[in-house]
Amino acid sequence: MTIPVLIPVYNEQATIGQLIKDCRNYSDDIYVVDDGSIDRSSEIAKNEGAIIIKHNRNKGKGASLHSGFKEIFKKDFDAVIIMDGDGQHDPIEIPRFIQKCKEGNIDLILGNRVKKKNMPFIRRLTNKFMSSIISSIVGQKIPDSQCGFRLIKRGILKKIDIKASNFEIESEIIIKAWRMGGRIVSIPISTIYRREKSKIKPMVDAIRFLKLIIKDGIS
């Protein structure tokens, strides 16, 4: 299977270089969407051979993924793997996503972080809340709906009308993939928690998530 890796970044110069190097062990096609960074993220990523898509200003993770998908669709890829640019995801687990994808009729593979207790309390609580709601909507257990490490098949992705511009895109993709008849599975992954301040704002993103459900009539 030909599967590129898509990495949205915002000021990730400390981690993006090594992340791309490690990803190259599993994919020749690394796409980096620089979402208005003011550091050397783009320069470092380009030097490591990544394909750069650049926003002139910060637009949010959802907008970054949308830009990345648009570029990836120009080539005949079977699926895309999405990873965060802050180094929390270990590229050594990429083959597990690919192997799971080969097992059968699966459209969306979600990472399930097994060490959620290491998350800040409010993030863990918000993730549990949002995962519970999404599980109820799609009629199956989604243990970690907010994990950014995932694989999406090309066919289902092209059917999804993405509207979210921020972190609520994680939820939007799951629910809309389900509405399109996609099969969703989760696999356990490790997570590398660092001292850097997270760009996620749990309460703000939870409110955006609820607005998305109400506005789009997802539920």
Protein backbone atom coordinates (compact mmCIF):
# COMPACT_ATOMS: atom_id res chain seq x y z
CA MET A 1 0.00 0.00 0.00
CA THR A 2 1.14 3.54 -0.75
CA ILE A 3 0.45 5.61 2.36
CA PRO A 4 1.82 9.10 2.99
CA VAL A 5 2.19 10.71 6.41
CA LEU A 6 0.51 14.06 7.05
CA ILE A 7 1.81 16.22 9.91
CA PRO A 8 0.21 19.56 10.83
CA VAL A 9 2.65 21.79 12.73
CA TYR A 10 2.66 25.09 14.53
CA ASN A 11 6.02 26.16 15.98
CA GLU A 12 7.44 22.64 16.29
CA GLN A 13 11.08 23.27 15.37
CA ALA A 14 12.27 21.26 18.36
CA THR A 15 10.62 18.03 17.24
CA ILE A 16 9.71 18.13 13.55
CA GLY A 17 13.16 17.26 12.15
CA GLN A 18 13.60 14.01 14.06
CA LEU A 19 9.96 13.11 13.54
CA ILE A 20 10.35 13.31 9.76
CA LYS A 21 13.58 11.30 9.88
CA ASP A 22 11.83 8.55 11.84
CA CYS A 23 8.77 8.58 9.58
CA ARG A 24 10.98 8.07 6.54
CA ASN A 25 11.64 4.53 7.76
CA TYR A 26 8.02 3.74 6.87
CA SER A 27 6.94 6.18 4.15
CA ASP A 28 8.65 8.07 1.34
CA ASP A 29 5.94 10.72 1.24
CA ILE A 30 5.85 13.08 4.21
CA TYR A 31 3.55 16.10 4.01
CA VAL A 32 3.95 18.91 6.53
CA VAL A 33 1.38 21.68 6.84
CA ASP A 34 2.98 24.65 8.55
CA ASP A 35 0.08 26.50 10.11
CA GLY A 36 1.62 29.97 10.30
CA SER A 37 4.65 29.08 12.40
CA ILE A 38 7.00 31.91 13.38
CA ASP A 39 9.92 29.57 14.08
CA ARG A 40 12.04 27.37 11.77
CA SER A 41 9.52 24.52 11.45
CA SER A 42 9.12 24.85 7.67
CA GLU A 43 12.84 25.23 7.04
CA ILE A 44 13.71 22.17 9.10
CA ALA A 45 10.95 20.07 7.56
CA LYS A 46 11.97 21.08 4.05
CA ASN A 47 15.61 20.23 4.76
CA GLU A 48 14.49 16.75 5.80
CA GLY A 49 12.74 16.30 2.44
CA ALA A 50 9.13 16.84 3.48
CA ILE A 51 6.58 18.34 1.10
CA ILE A 52 5.63 21.69 2.63
CA ILE A 53 2.18 23.28 2.56
CA LYS A 54 2.31 26.65 4.28
CA HIS A 55 -0.35 28.89 5.77
CA ASN A 56 0.57 32.57 6.03
CA ARG A 57 -1.28 32.76 9.35
CA ASN A 58 -2.41 30.35 12.01
CA LYS A 59 -5.75 28.86 10.96
CA GLY A 60 -6.09 25.83 13.24
CA LYS A 61 -5.55 22.09 13.03
CA GLY A 62 -8.73 21.44 11.07
CA ALA A 63 -7.77 23.94 8.40
CA SER A 64 -4.28 22.42 8.28
CA LEU A 65 -5.58 18.91 7.71
CA HIS A 66 -7.97 20.18 5.05
CA SER A 67 -5.05 21.79 3.19
CA GLY A 68 -3.03 18.60 3.54
CA PHE A 69 -5.82 16.37 2.25
CA LYS A 70 -6.33 18.64 -0.75
CA GLU A 71 -2.68 18.28 -1.72
CA ILE A 72 -2.56 14.54 -1.07
CA PHE A 73 -5.62 13.95 -3.28
CA LYS A 74 -3.54 15.06 -6.24
CA LYS A 75 -1.80 11.67 -6.10
CA ASP A 76 -3.18 8.15 -6.11
CA PHE A 77 -2.62 7.24 -2.46
CA ASP A 78 -4.58 4.42 -0.82
CA ALA A 79 -4.83 6.10 2.58
CA VAL A 80 -3.16 8.72 4.75
CA ILE A 81 -1.63 8.51 8.21
CA ILE A 82 -2.01 11.60 10.38
CA MET A 83 0.40 12.39 13.21
CA ASP A 84 0.88 15.38 15.50
CA GLY A 85 4.07 17.39 15.07
CA ASP A 86 4.94 17.75 18.75
CA GLY A 87 6.66 14.38 19.09
CA GLN A 88 3.94 12.70 21.16
CA HIS A 89 3.43 9.99 18.56
CA ASP A 90 6.06 7.33 17.92
CA PRO A 91 6.59 6.58 14.20
CA ILE A 92 7.67 3.05 15.09
CA GLU A 93 3.94 2.31 15.41
CA ILE A 94 3.13 3.31 11.82
CA PRO A 95 3.47 -0.30 10.55
CA ARG A 96 0.79 -1.39 13.03
CA PHE A 97 -1.70 1.00 11.43
CA ILE A 98 -0.76 -0.21 7.96
CA GLN A 99 -0.99 -3.87 8.94
CA LYS A 100 -4.41 -3.33 10.52
CA CYS A 101 -5.54 -1.57 7.36
CA LYS A 102 -4.57 -4.63 5.31
CA GLU A 103 -6.59 -7.00 7.49
CA GLY A 104 -9.98 -6.21 6.03
CA ASN A 105 -12.64 -3.67 5.19
CA ILE A 106 -11.55 -0.87 7.52
CA ASP A 107 -11.93 2.83 6.71
CA LEU A 108 -10.67 4.62 9.81
CA ILE A 109 -8.10 3.40 12.35
CA LEU A 110 -7.78 5.43 15.54
CA GLY A 111 -4.93 5.36 17.99
CA ASN A 112 -5.95 4.63 21.58
CA ARG A 113 -3.45 6.11 24.03
CA VAL A 114 -2.97 3.49 26.73
CA LYS A 115 -1.35 5.86 29.23
CA LYS A 116 -4.11 8.43 29.52
CA LYS A 117 -3.39 8.75 33.25
CA ASN A 118 -0.31 10.74 32.26
CA MET A 119 -2.51 13.40 30.65
CA PRO A 120 -3.30 16.56 32.61
CA PHE A 121 -6.50 15.90 34.55
CA ILE A 122 -8.72 18.36 32.68
CA ARG A 123 -7.62 16.97 29.30
CA ARG A 124 -8.27 13.42 30.45
CA LEU A 125 -11.71 14.37 31.73
CA THR A 126 -12.61 16.23 28.51
CA ASN A 127 -11.37 13.37 26.35
CA LYS A 128 -13.48 10.91 28.32
CA PHE A 129 -16.54 13.14 28.00
CA MET A 130 -16.16 13.65 24.25
CA SER A 131 -15.33 10.00 23.60
CA SER A 132 -18.44 8.97 25.51
CA ILE A 133 -20.69 11.20 23.42
CA ILE A 134 -19.12 10.04 20.15
CA SER A 135 -19.41 6.40 21.20
CA SER A 136 -23.10 6.96 21.83
CA ILE A 137 -23.61 8.62 18.45
CA VAL A 138 -21.81 5.98 16.37
CA GLY A 139 -23.07 3.00 18.38
CA GLN A 140 -19.67 1.53 19.22
CA LYS A 141 -16.95 2.04 21.77
CA ILE A 142 -14.53 4.81 20.76
CA PRO A 143 -12.02 4.81 23.64
CA ASP A 144 -9.91 7.79 22.54
CA SER A 145 -11.75 10.03 20.10
CA GLN A 146 -9.28 12.90 20.42
CA CYS A 147 -6.12 11.00 19.48
CA GLY A 148 -4.44 12.65 16.51
CA PHE A 149 -2.57 9.51 15.42
CA ARG A 150 -4.83 7.81 12.90
CA LEU A 151 -5.12 6.25 9.45
CA ILE A 152 -7.91 7.20 7.04
CA LYS A 153 -8.68 5.40 3.80
CA ARG A 154 -8.86 7.56 0.69
CA GLY A 155 -12.38 6.45 -0.28
CA ILE A 156 -14.06 7.48 2.96
CA LEU A 157 -12.00 10.64 3.31
CA LYS A 158 -13.12 11.98 -0.06
CA LYS A 159 -16.75 11.57 1.00
CA ILE A 160 -16.37 13.65 4.14
CA ASP A 161 -17.26 17.34 3.99
CA ILE A 162 -14.87 18.79 6.55
CA LYS A 163 -16.04 22.01 8.19
CA ALA A 164 -14.10 22.19 11.46
CA SER A 165 -11.07 24.45 11.52
CA ASN A 166 -9.69 23.55 14.93
CA PHE A 167 -9.19 20.47 17.13
CA GLU A 168 -12.84 19.44 16.89
CA ILE A 169 -11.92 18.00 13.51
CA GLU A 170 -10.87 14.81 15.34
CA SER A 171 -14.50 14.25 16.32
CA GLU A 172 -15.94 15.44 13.03
CA ILE A 173 -13.97 12.88 11.01
CA ILE A 174 -15.10 10.00 13.22
CA ILE A 175 -18.78 10.89 13.16
CA LYS A 176 -18.92 11.72 9.46
CA ALA A 177 -16.98 8.59 8.52
CA TRP A 178 -19.57 6.59 10.46
CA ARG A 179 -22.42 8.42 8.73
CA MET A 180 -20.90 7.44 5.38
CA GLY A 181 -20.95 3.79 6.40
CA GLY A 182 -17.26 3.60 7.25
CA ARG A 183 -15.91 0.87 9.51
CA ILE A 184 -13.97 2.30 12.46
CA VAL A 185 -11.50 0.45 14.70
CA SER A 186 -9.02 1.46 17.40
CA ILE A 187 -5.56 0.12 18.18
CA PRO A 188 -3.52 0.74 21.35
CA ILE A 189 -0.57 3.10 21.02
CA SER A 190 1.99 4.56 23.36
CA THR A 191 2.32 8.30 23.86
CA ILE A 192 5.44 10.34 24.56
CA TYR A 193 4.39 13.08 26.93
CA ARG A 194 6.72 16.08 26.98
CA ARG A 195 7.05 19.17 29.12
CA GLU A 196 6.04 21.54 26.33
CA LYS A 197 2.74 23.34 26.85
CA SER A 198 -0.03 21.73 24.87
CA LYS A 199 -1.80 23.75 22.19
CA ILE A 200 -5.04 22.00 23.05
CA LYS A 201 -7.56 23.99 25.11
CA PRO A 202 -9.79 21.23 26.51
CA MET A 203 -12.80 23.28 27.57
CA VAL A 204 -12.73 25.51 24.49
CA ASP A 205 -12.45 22.51 22.20
CA ALA A 206 -15.23 20.69 24.05
CA ILE A 207 -17.52 23.68 23.45
CA ARG A 208 -16.54 23.75 19.78
CA PHE A 209 -17.31 20.04 19.60
CA LEU A 210 -20.80 20.51 21.04
CA LYS A 211 -21.44 23.43 18.66
CA LEU A 212 -20.35 21.26 15.76
CA ILE A 213 -22.85 18.56 16.69
CA ILE A 214 -25.69 21.04 17.11
CA LYS A 215 -24.91 23.14 14.04
CA ASP A 216 -24.32 20.26 11.67
CA GLY A 217 -27.09 18.07 13.01
CA ILE A 218 -24.58 15.26 13.46
CA SER A 219 -26.35 13.66 16.37
